[in-house]
N, C-alpha and C. Protein backbone atom coordinates (compact mmCIF):
# COMPACT_ATOMS: atom_id res chain seq x y z
N MET A 1 115.27 152.67 267.21
CA MET A 1 115.49 151.47 266.85
C MET A 1 114.70 150.47 266.23
N MET A 2 113.89 150.61 266.49
CA MET A 2 112.80 149.34 266.16
C MET A 2 112.58 149.98 264.50
N GLU A 3 112.05 151.30 264.84
CA GLU A 3 112.35 151.76 263.36
C GLU A 3 113.04 151.47 262.54
N GLN A 4 114.35 151.90 262.88
CA GLN A 4 115.71 151.52 261.81
C GLN A 4 115.32 149.98 261.74
N ASP A 5 115.30 149.03 262.40
CA ASP A 5 115.28 147.87 262.29
C ASP A 5 114.20 147.57 261.21
N LEU A 6 113.00 148.12 261.56
CA LEU A 6 111.81 148.03 260.44
C LEU A 6 112.51 148.14 259.18
N GLU A 7 112.97 149.62 258.89
CA GLU A 7 113.41 149.95 257.48
C GLU A 7 114.41 148.96 257.23
N ARG A 8 115.21 148.49 258.06
CA ARG A 8 116.42 147.51 257.54
C ARG A 8 115.61 146.36 257.07
N ALA A 9 114.56 146.10 257.66
CA ALA A 9 113.93 144.75 257.26
C ALA A 9 113.37 144.80 256.08
N GLU A 10 112.69 146.00 255.77
CA GLU A 10 112.09 146.08 254.58
C GLU A 10 112.74 146.35 253.42
N GLU A 11 113.97 147.09 253.40
CA GLU A 11 115.36 147.15 252.41
C GLU A 11 115.59 145.61 252.27
N LYS A 12 115.87 144.76 253.34
CA LYS A 12 116.35 143.68 253.07
C LYS A 12 115.15 142.69 252.50
N ALA A 13 113.88 142.96 252.57
CA ALA A 13 112.70 142.25 252.24
C ALA A 13 112.61 142.75 250.76
N GLU A 14 112.90 144.14 250.39
CA GLU A 14 112.72 144.43 248.67
C GLU A 14 114.07 143.92 248.09
N LEU A 15 115.18 143.93 248.97
CA LEU A 15 116.10 142.95 248.04
C LEU A 15 116.00 141.96 247.98
N SER A 16 115.56 141.15 249.15
CA SER A 16 115.24 139.70 248.76
C SER A 16 114.00 139.54 247.57
N GLU A 17 113.03 140.42 247.67
CA GLU A 17 112.18 140.21 246.55
C GLU A 17 113.14 140.36 245.18
N ALA A 18 113.87 141.34 245.07
CA ALA A 18 114.40 141.50 243.93
C ALA A 18 115.12 140.57 243.51
N LYS A 19 115.96 140.08 244.34
CA LYS A 19 116.77 138.93 244.03
C LYS A 19 115.93 137.47 243.98
N ILE A 20 114.54 137.36 244.57
CA ILE A 20 113.91 136.38 243.93
C ILE A 20 113.22 136.47 242.86
N VAL A 21 113.10 137.63 242.25
CA VAL A 21 112.26 137.90 241.02
C VAL A 21 113.79 137.70 239.82
N GLU A 22 114.73 137.94 240.18
CA GLU A 22 115.95 137.82 239.51
C GLU A 22 116.26 136.41 239.55
N LEU A 23 116.12 135.45 240.94
CA LEU A 23 116.46 134.22 240.63
C LEU A 23 115.21 133.38 239.75
N GLU A 24 113.94 134.31 240.00
CA GLU A 24 112.77 133.42 239.33
C GLU A 24 112.97 133.50 237.37
N GLU A 25 113.85 134.58 237.12
CA GLU A 25 114.06 134.76 235.92
C GLU A 25 115.14 133.65 235.40
N GLU A 26 116.17 133.65 236.17
CA GLU A 26 117.17 133.01 236.00
C GLU A 26 116.44 131.16 235.99
N LEU A 27 115.78 131.21 236.91
CA LEU A 27 115.16 129.65 236.82
C LEU A 27 114.50 129.34 235.88
N ARG A 28 113.81 130.34 234.99
CA ARG A 28 112.88 130.33 233.80
C ARG A 28 113.80 130.02 232.73
N VAL A 29 114.62 130.83 232.69
CA VAL A 29 116.10 130.85 231.58
C VAL A 29 116.73 129.33 231.48
N VAL A 30 116.85 128.76 232.88
CA VAL A 30 117.32 127.48 233.21
C VAL A 30 116.45 126.34 232.83
N GLY A 31 115.00 126.62 233.17
CA GLY A 31 114.02 125.48 232.72
C GLY A 31 113.96 125.84 231.26
N ASN A 32 114.08 126.56 230.81
CA ASN A 32 114.02 126.84 229.06
C ASN A 32 115.24 126.18 228.31
N ASN A 33 116.44 126.32 228.87
CA ASN A 33 117.69 126.03 228.58
C ASN A 33 117.72 124.10 228.71
N LEU A 34 117.00 123.83 229.88
CA LEU A 34 116.61 122.43 230.32
C LEU A 34 115.75 121.46 229.32
N LYS A 35 114.78 122.29 228.94
CA LYS A 35 113.72 121.73 227.73
C LYS A 35 114.65 121.79 226.55
N SER A 36 115.03 122.62 226.48
CA SER A 36 115.98 122.57 224.72
C SER A 36 116.77 121.71 224.87
N LEU A 37 117.41 121.41 225.99
CA LEU A 37 118.53 120.01 226.30
C LEU A 37 117.87 119.25 226.14
N GLU A 38 116.72 118.78 226.94
CA GLU A 38 116.01 117.65 226.84
C GLU A 38 115.53 117.26 225.36
N VAL A 39 115.43 118.20 224.85
CA VAL A 39 114.68 118.19 222.98
C VAL A 39 116.12 117.61 222.51
N SER A 40 116.82 118.40 222.48
CA SER A 40 118.51 118.22 221.86
C SER A 40 118.72 116.68 222.09
N GLU A 41 118.79 116.24 223.48
CA GLU A 41 119.13 114.79 223.97
C GLU A 41 118.16 113.85 223.24
N GLU A 42 116.86 114.22 223.27
CA GLU A 42 115.70 113.43 222.35
C GLU A 42 116.11 112.75 221.03
N LYS A 43 116.68 114.37 220.36
CA LYS A 43 117.03 114.22 218.80
C LYS A 43 118.31 113.32 218.83
N ALA A 44 119.08 113.70 220.10
CA ALA A 44 120.60 113.00 219.61
C ALA A 44 120.19 111.27 219.83
N ASN A 45 119.68 111.13 220.72
CA ASN A 45 119.04 109.57 221.05
C ASN A 45 118.74 109.02 219.75
N GLN A 46 117.64 109.93 219.38
CA GLN A 46 116.87 109.06 217.66
C GLN A 46 117.95 109.13 216.97
N ARG A 47 118.93 110.17 216.42
CA ARG A 47 119.97 109.74 215.65
C ARG A 47 120.97 108.81 216.04
N GLU A 48 121.43 108.53 217.02
CA GLU A 48 122.07 107.51 217.53
C GLU A 48 121.42 106.27 217.37
N GLU A 49 119.91 106.07 217.51
CA GLU A 49 119.34 105.06 217.28
C GLU A 49 119.38 104.69 215.82
N GLU A 50 119.45 105.68 215.05
CA GLU A 50 119.58 105.52 213.37
C GLU A 50 120.73 105.53 213.04
N TYR A 51 121.73 105.88 213.55
CA TYR A 51 123.15 105.20 213.37
C TYR A 51 123.28 103.90 213.86
N LYS A 52 122.89 103.53 214.88
CA LYS A 52 122.75 102.19 215.42
C LYS A 52 122.49 101.02 214.41
N ASN A 53 120.85 101.43 213.72
CA ASN A 53 120.53 100.64 213.06
C ASN A 53 121.31 100.65 211.53
N GLN A 54 121.86 102.12 211.05
CA GLN A 54 122.40 102.03 209.83
C GLN A 54 123.71 101.17 210.03
N ILE A 55 124.43 101.27 211.05
CA ILE A 55 125.59 100.32 211.14
C ILE A 55 125.34 98.88 211.05
N LYS A 56 124.23 98.39 212.03
CA LYS A 56 123.99 97.18 211.62
C LYS A 56 123.58 96.53 210.08
N THR A 57 122.64 97.60 209.40
CA THR A 57 122.51 97.16 208.21
C THR A 57 123.77 96.99 207.24
N LEU A 58 124.20 98.10 207.49
CA LEU A 58 125.97 97.99 206.94
C LEU A 58 126.56 97.07 207.15
N THR A 59 126.74 96.47 208.24
CA THR A 59 127.43 95.48 208.57
C THR A 59 126.89 94.01 208.14
N THR A 60 125.56 93.87 208.10
CA THR A 60 124.84 92.98 207.55
C THR A 60 125.29 92.53 205.82
N ARG A 61 125.47 94.10 205.23
CA ARG A 61 125.60 94.04 204.05
C ARG A 61 126.97 93.91 203.76
N LEU A 62 127.87 94.22 204.44
CA LEU A 62 129.23 94.08 204.29
C LEU A 62 129.80 92.52 204.39
N LYS A 63 129.01 92.07 205.58
CA LYS A 63 129.09 90.44 205.69
C LYS A 63 128.79 89.43 204.35
N GLU A 64 127.60 89.94 203.70
CA GLU A 64 127.16 89.33 202.51
C GLU A 64 127.88 89.83 201.60
N ALA A 65 128.51 90.72 201.32
CA ALA A 65 129.60 91.29 200.24
C ALA A 65 130.78 90.41 200.21
N THR A 66 131.13 90.15 201.71
CA THR A 66 132.50 89.24 201.71
C THR A 66 132.05 88.17 201.40
N GLN A 67 130.56 87.63 201.49
CA GLN A 67 130.58 86.21 201.18
C GLN A 67 130.62 85.93 199.57
N ARG A 68 129.86 87.01 198.88
CA ARG A 68 129.89 87.14 197.62
C ARG A 68 131.40 87.36 196.99
N GLU A 69 131.97 88.12 197.65
CA GLU A 69 133.51 88.36 197.34
C GLU A 69 134.19 86.98 197.26
N GLU A 70 134.15 86.12 198.35
CA GLU A 70 134.90 85.13 198.55
C GLU A 70 134.07 84.02 197.43
N THR A 71 133.04 84.06 197.39
CA THR A 71 132.29 83.00 196.31
C THR A 71 132.92 83.53 194.51
N PHE A 72 132.68 84.79 194.52
CA PHE A 72 133.35 85.27 193.08
C PHE A 72 134.86 84.96 192.71
N GLU A 73 135.96 85.23 194.11
CA GLU A 73 137.29 84.57 193.83
C GLU A 73 136.88 83.42 193.35
N GLY A 74 136.25 82.43 194.06
CA GLY A 74 136.31 80.85 193.96
C GLY A 74 136.41 80.81 192.19
N GLN A 75 134.87 81.65 191.99
CA GLN A 75 134.70 81.14 190.73
C GLN A 75 135.86 81.72 189.76
N VAL A 76 136.28 83.10 189.93
CA VAL A 76 137.60 83.21 189.35
C VAL A 76 138.64 82.35 189.48
N LYS A 77 138.80 81.95 190.39
CA LYS A 77 140.09 80.70 190.36
C LYS A 77 139.53 79.61 189.30
N ILE A 78 138.38 79.20 189.64
CA ILE A 78 137.80 77.99 188.72
C ILE A 78 137.97 78.35 187.40
N LEU A 79 137.56 79.63 186.73
CA LEU A 79 137.46 79.83 185.47
C LEU A 79 138.94 80.53 184.91
N ASP A 80 139.85 80.54 185.88
CA ASP A 80 140.90 81.05 185.25
C ASP A 80 141.52 79.81 184.99
N SER A 81 141.18 78.63 185.84
CA SER A 81 141.91 77.09 185.54
C SER A 81 141.39 76.84 184.38
N GLN A 82 140.33 76.98 184.19
CA GLN A 82 139.41 76.45 182.92
C GLN A 82 139.88 77.15 181.81
N LEU A 83 140.50 78.49 181.69
CA LEU A 83 141.05 79.33 180.63
C LEU A 83 142.07 78.92 180.37
N LYS A 84 143.05 78.66 181.16
CA LYS A 84 144.39 77.69 181.10
C LYS A 84 144.21 76.54 180.65
N GLU A 85 143.39 75.67 180.71
CA GLU A 85 143.00 74.42 180.38
C GLU A 85 142.74 74.52 178.70
N ALA A 86 141.77 75.41 178.79
CA ALA A 86 141.25 75.85 177.27
C ALA A 86 142.18 76.40 176.30
N GLU A 87 143.13 77.28 176.75
CA GLU A 87 144.33 77.43 176.17
C GLU A 87 145.24 76.61 175.70
N ALA A 88 145.73 75.64 176.62
CA ALA A 88 146.58 74.41 176.33
C ALA A 88 145.81 73.75 175.34
N ARG A 89 144.55 73.07 175.28
CA ARG A 89 144.26 72.55 174.21
C ARG A 89 143.99 73.07 173.24
N ALA A 90 143.66 74.50 173.12
CA ALA A 90 143.90 75.31 171.87
C ALA A 90 145.14 75.19 171.30
N GLU A 91 146.18 75.38 172.03
CA GLU A 91 147.64 75.53 171.19
C GLU A 91 148.02 74.15 171.08
N PHE A 92 147.33 72.89 171.64
CA PHE A 92 147.70 71.70 171.18
C PHE A 92 147.00 71.41 169.87
N ALA A 93 145.64 71.78 170.12
CA ALA A 93 144.70 71.36 168.78
C ALA A 93 145.94 72.30 167.29
N GLU A 94 146.27 73.44 167.72
CA GLU A 94 146.77 74.41 166.72
C GLU A 94 147.84 73.57 166.11
N ARG A 95 149.04 73.17 167.10
CA ARG A 95 149.76 72.26 166.76
C ARG A 95 149.70 71.28 166.01
N SER A 96 148.36 70.66 166.24
CA SER A 96 148.14 69.48 165.79
C SER A 96 147.66 69.47 163.97
N VAL A 97 146.72 70.56 164.12
CA VAL A 97 146.45 71.11 162.90
C VAL A 97 147.77 71.55 161.87
N GLN A 98 148.36 72.43 162.16
CA GLN A 98 149.76 72.52 161.41
C GLN A 98 150.25 71.40 160.92
N LYS A 99 150.60 70.29 162.12
CA LYS A 99 150.95 68.73 161.62
C LYS A 99 150.33 68.25 160.63
N LEU A 100 148.83 68.14 160.88
CA LEU A 100 148.02 67.32 159.77
C LEU A 100 148.13 68.25 158.57
N GLN A 101 148.28 69.58 158.60
CA GLN A 101 148.51 70.35 157.41
C GLN A 101 149.45 70.09 156.45
N LYS A 102 150.48 70.22 157.39
CA LYS A 102 151.65 69.83 156.57
C LYS A 102 151.76 68.16 155.87
N GLU A 103 151.10 67.36 156.93
CA GLU A 103 150.79 66.17 156.21
C GLU A 103 149.97 66.14 155.05
N VAL A 104 148.98 66.70 155.07
CA VAL A 104 148.00 67.16 153.76
C VAL A 104 148.75 67.51 152.80
N ASP A 105 149.66 68.51 152.87
CA ASP A 105 150.33 69.25 152.01
C ASP A 105 151.34 68.14 151.29
N ARG A 106 151.81 67.64 151.89
CA ARG A 106 152.74 66.35 151.67
C ARG A 106 152.27 65.35 151.03
N LEU A 107 151.04 64.85 151.11
CA LEU A 107 150.21 64.00 150.75
C LEU A 107 149.58 64.59 149.41
N GLU A 108 149.39 65.63 149.33
CA GLU A 108 148.72 66.46 147.96
C GLU A 108 150.08 66.49 146.99
N ASP A 109 151.15 66.97 147.72
CA ASP A 109 152.03 66.57 146.42
C ASP A 109 152.74 65.70 145.91
N GLU A 110 152.57 64.43 146.91
CA GLU A 110 152.58 63.30 146.43
C GLU A 110 151.76 62.76 145.38
N MET A 111 150.42 63.03 145.86
CA MET A 111 149.64 62.73 144.62
C MET A 111 149.63 63.15 143.41
N VAL A 112 149.87 64.51 143.61
CA VAL A 112 150.25 65.13 142.42
C VAL A 112 151.45 64.45 141.37
N THR A 113 152.57 64.10 142.26
CA THR A 113 153.54 63.55 141.65
C THR A 113 153.20 62.12 141.37
N GLU A 114 152.33 61.30 141.73
CA GLU A 114 151.60 59.89 141.36
C GLU A 114 150.82 59.95 140.24
N LYS A 115 149.96 61.12 140.22
CA LYS A 115 149.34 61.19 139.18
C LYS A 115 150.10 61.61 137.78
N GLU A 116 151.00 62.28 137.89
CA GLU A 116 151.78 62.70 136.66
C GLU A 116 152.98 61.08 136.51
N LYS A 117 153.05 60.81 137.31
CA LYS A 117 153.48 59.22 137.06
C LYS A 117 152.74 58.20 136.59
N PHE A 118 151.52 58.34 136.74
CA PHE A 118 150.29 57.68 136.42
C PHE A 118 150.11 57.78 135.02
N LYS A 119 150.09 59.29 134.71
CA LYS A 119 149.63 59.67 133.56
C LYS A 119 150.90 59.27 132.68
N GLU A 120 152.23 59.36 132.89
CA GLU A 120 153.32 59.07 132.01
C GLU A 120 153.19 57.37 131.62
N ILE A 121 152.93 56.78 132.80
CA ILE A 121 152.66 55.36 132.42
C ILE A 121 151.77 55.08 131.60
N GLY A 122 150.34 55.83 131.57
CA GLY A 122 149.34 55.57 131.07
C GLY A 122 149.69 55.83 129.53
N ASP A 123 150.43 57.34 129.21
CA ASP A 123 150.38 57.77 128.04
C ASP A 123 151.92 56.64 127.47
N GLY A 124 152.62 56.14 128.19
CA GLY A 124 153.52 55.08 127.94
C GLY A 124 152.72 53.68 127.02
N LEU A 125 152.01 53.68 127.84
CA LEU A 125 151.27 52.06 127.48
C LEU A 125 150.83 52.51 126.58
N ASP A 126 149.75 53.73 126.33
CA ASP A 126 149.11 53.96 125.12
C ASP A 126 150.09 53.89 123.91
N ASN A 127 151.25 54.79 123.88
CA ASN A 127 152.18 54.75 122.92
C ASN A 127 152.71 53.50 122.22
N ALA A 128 152.91 52.59 123.56
CA ALA A 128 153.30 51.14 123.40
C ALA A 128 152.30 50.54 122.74
N PHE A 129 151.03 50.56 122.93
CA PHE A 129 149.90 49.71 122.26
C PHE A 129 149.64 50.18 120.91
N PHE A 130 149.96 51.82 120.73
CA PHE A 130 150.02 52.15 119.17
C PHE A 130 150.97 51.49 118.46
N GLU A 131 152.05 51.55 119.26
CA GLU A 131 153.32 50.84 118.18
C GLU A 131 152.97 49.59 117.87
N LEU A 132 152.62 48.78 119.01
CA LEU A 132 152.06 47.42 118.64
C LEU A 132 150.83 47.35 117.73
N TYR A 133 149.94 48.06 117.94
CA TYR A 133 148.74 47.83 117.16
C TYR A 133 148.68 48.81 115.99
N GLY A 134 149.42 49.64 115.89
CA GLY A 134 149.43 50.47 114.88
C GLY A 134 148.22 51.63 115.08
N THR A 135 147.47 51.57 115.95
CA THR A 135 146.06 52.41 115.98
C THR A 135 146.05 52.93 117.02
N ASN A 136 144.85 54.05 117.33
CA ASN A 136 144.95 54.77 118.74
C ASN A 136 144.61 53.76 119.51
N LEU A 137 144.70 53.57 120.55
CA LEU A 137 144.31 52.43 121.70
C LEU A 137 142.72 52.87 122.12
N SER A 138 142.56 54.25 122.19
CA SER A 138 141.20 54.46 122.72
C SER A 138 140.20 53.84 121.96
N THR A 139 140.34 53.95 120.73
CA THR A 139 139.21 53.30 119.75
C THR A 139 139.15 51.93 119.58
N ARG A 140 140.09 51.17 120.07
CA ARG A 140 140.02 49.69 120.19
C ARG A 140 140.06 48.99 121.52
N ARG A 141 140.14 49.90 122.66
CA ARG A 141 140.17 49.37 123.67
C ARG A 141 139.18 48.72 124.30
N ARG A 142 137.96 48.97 124.18
CA ARG A 142 136.95 48.09 124.80
C ARG A 142 135.43 48.50 123.53
N SER A 143 134.53 47.26 123.62
CA SER A 143 133.52 47.28 122.68
C SER A 143 132.46 48.09 123.21
N THR A 144 131.23 48.62 122.72
CA THR A 144 130.37 49.63 123.12
C THR A 144 129.41 48.49 124.08
N ASN A 145 129.37 47.06 124.25
CA ASN A 145 129.10 46.18 125.03
C ASN A 145 129.63 46.76 126.52
N THR A 146 128.43 47.02 127.47
CA THR A 146 129.24 47.44 128.66
C THR A 146 129.36 46.10 129.48
N PHE A 147 128.86 45.04 129.13
CA PHE A 147 128.84 43.76 130.08
C PHE A 147 130.26 42.62 129.54
N ALA A 148 130.73 43.34 128.41
CA ALA A 148 131.83 42.05 128.08
C ALA A 148 132.77 43.27 127.47
N THR A 149 133.85 42.83 127.74
CA THR A 149 135.37 43.81 127.06
C THR A 149 135.85 42.90 126.18
N THR A 150 136.09 43.38 124.70
CA THR A 150 136.84 42.85 124.17
C THR A 150 138.07 43.39 123.64
N TRP A 151 138.92 42.68 123.49
CA TRP A 151 140.48 43.11 123.37
C TRP A 151 140.65 42.43 122.01
N THR A 152 141.30 43.06 121.18
CA THR A 152 142.03 42.69 120.05
C THR A 152 143.34 42.04 120.37
N LEU A 153 143.55 40.90 119.81
CA LEU A 153 145.10 40.28 120.21
C LEU A 153 146.09 40.74 119.86
N PRO A 154 147.15 41.15 120.38
CA PRO A 154 148.29 41.50 119.89
C PRO A 154 148.85 40.77 118.66
N SER A 155 150.05 41.54 118.27
CA SER A 155 150.81 40.43 117.45
C SER A 155 151.85 39.78 118.47
N PRO A 156 152.30 38.64 117.77
CA PRO A 156 153.05 37.60 118.76
C PRO A 156 154.26 38.31 119.22
N ASN A 157 154.95 39.30 119.15
CA ASN A 157 156.03 39.93 119.67
C ASN A 157 155.49 41.36 120.35
N TRP A 158 154.52 40.97 120.55
CA TRP A 158 154.09 42.30 121.49
C TRP A 158 154.87 42.40 122.98
N LEU A 159 154.96 41.31 123.50
CA LEU A 159 155.27 41.04 124.90
C LEU A 159 156.82 41.66 125.01
N VAL A 160 157.43 41.30 123.72
CA VAL A 160 159.00 41.45 123.96
C VAL A 160 158.98 43.11 124.00
N LYS A 161 158.24 43.49 123.28
CA LYS A 161 158.47 44.90 122.94
C LYS A 161 157.66 45.90 123.82
N PHE A 162 156.77 45.36 124.51
CA PHE A 162 156.26 45.90 126.03
C PHE A 162 157.29 45.86 126.76
N ASP A 163 157.87 44.27 126.85
CA ASP A 163 159.03 44.18 127.84
C ASP A 163 160.08 45.48 127.91
N LEU A 164 160.63 45.75 126.67
CA LEU A 164 161.55 46.39 126.22
C LEU A 164 161.22 47.48 126.49
N PHE A 165 160.11 48.38 125.94
CA PHE A 165 159.44 49.74 126.20
C PHE A 165 159.65 50.04 128.07
N LEU A 166 158.92 49.08 128.93
CA LEU A 166 158.92 49.22 130.10
C LEU A 166 160.28 49.45 130.89
N LYS A 167 161.35 48.55 130.03
CA LYS A 167 162.28 48.56 130.61
C LYS A 167 163.18 49.95 130.73
N GLN A 168 162.69 50.23 129.19
CA GLN A 168 163.52 51.62 128.88
C GLN A 168 163.13 52.83 129.54
N LYS A 169 162.15 52.84 129.38
CA LYS A 169 161.21 53.87 130.10
C LYS A 169 161.15 54.19 131.62
N PHE A 170 160.76 52.80 132.29
CA PHE A 170 160.61 52.94 133.72
C PHE A 170 161.36 51.83 134.50
N ASN A 171 162.24 50.79 133.95
CA ASN A 171 163.07 50.35 134.46
C ASN A 171 162.12 49.37 135.13
N VAL A 172 161.35 48.58 134.55
CA VAL A 172 160.51 47.55 134.93
C VAL A 172 160.54 46.52 134.03
N PHE A 173 160.40 45.08 134.60
CA PHE A 173 160.77 43.88 133.95
C PHE A 173 159.28 43.50 133.88
N VAL A 174 158.59 42.76 132.98
CA VAL A 174 157.28 42.37 132.81
C VAL A 174 157.88 40.60 132.60
N ASN A 175 158.87 40.29 131.90
CA ASN A 175 159.13 39.04 131.83
C ASN A 175 160.28 38.67 132.84
N LYS A 176 160.05 38.26 134.03
CA LYS A 176 160.96 38.51 134.69
C LYS A 176 161.40 36.76 135.16
N PRO A 177 162.72 36.48 135.04
CA PRO A 177 162.78 34.86 135.17
C PRO A 177 162.16 34.56 136.46
N CYS A 178 161.71 33.35 136.61
CA CYS A 178 160.83 32.88 137.98
C CYS A 178 162.05 32.42 138.86
N CYS A 179 163.07 31.58 138.27
CA CYS A 179 164.09 30.73 139.02
C CYS A 179 165.15 31.01 138.75
């Protein structure tokens, strides 16, 4: 019995030793896995820290961008308002220019008409003086002296003829009765 007990104890011891070797191997594998997990955890912690820093940086940049956006929106509103004012002023100026151009055109037309009337009156006066004097007025109108103007006196009935001419030509009276 003792021998049997001894054999059984030896078998148990061998089984226990085999089990110990197996458990030691398993422990070594678990230890390696643990080291690998610790390394992975450390890398994950580093990445997490980097991500936190990136989040902080991006959050700061987002705040700055939001502030710039608000500033730019304000500037856009101001510029839009200024643009509308400038467009209104330009529109008003354009209408004013059109009105002024119409007035200029009207005045130019009036000036041409008045020049024609003036020329007609001048030609009529030249003709009247030619009829009165019998010569071309341009040769008798002024002397060569620039300081003194000399006119040749017309005939006594020149005023009557001139009044008649103006009356016929322009419906103007020189000798109007005063009373």
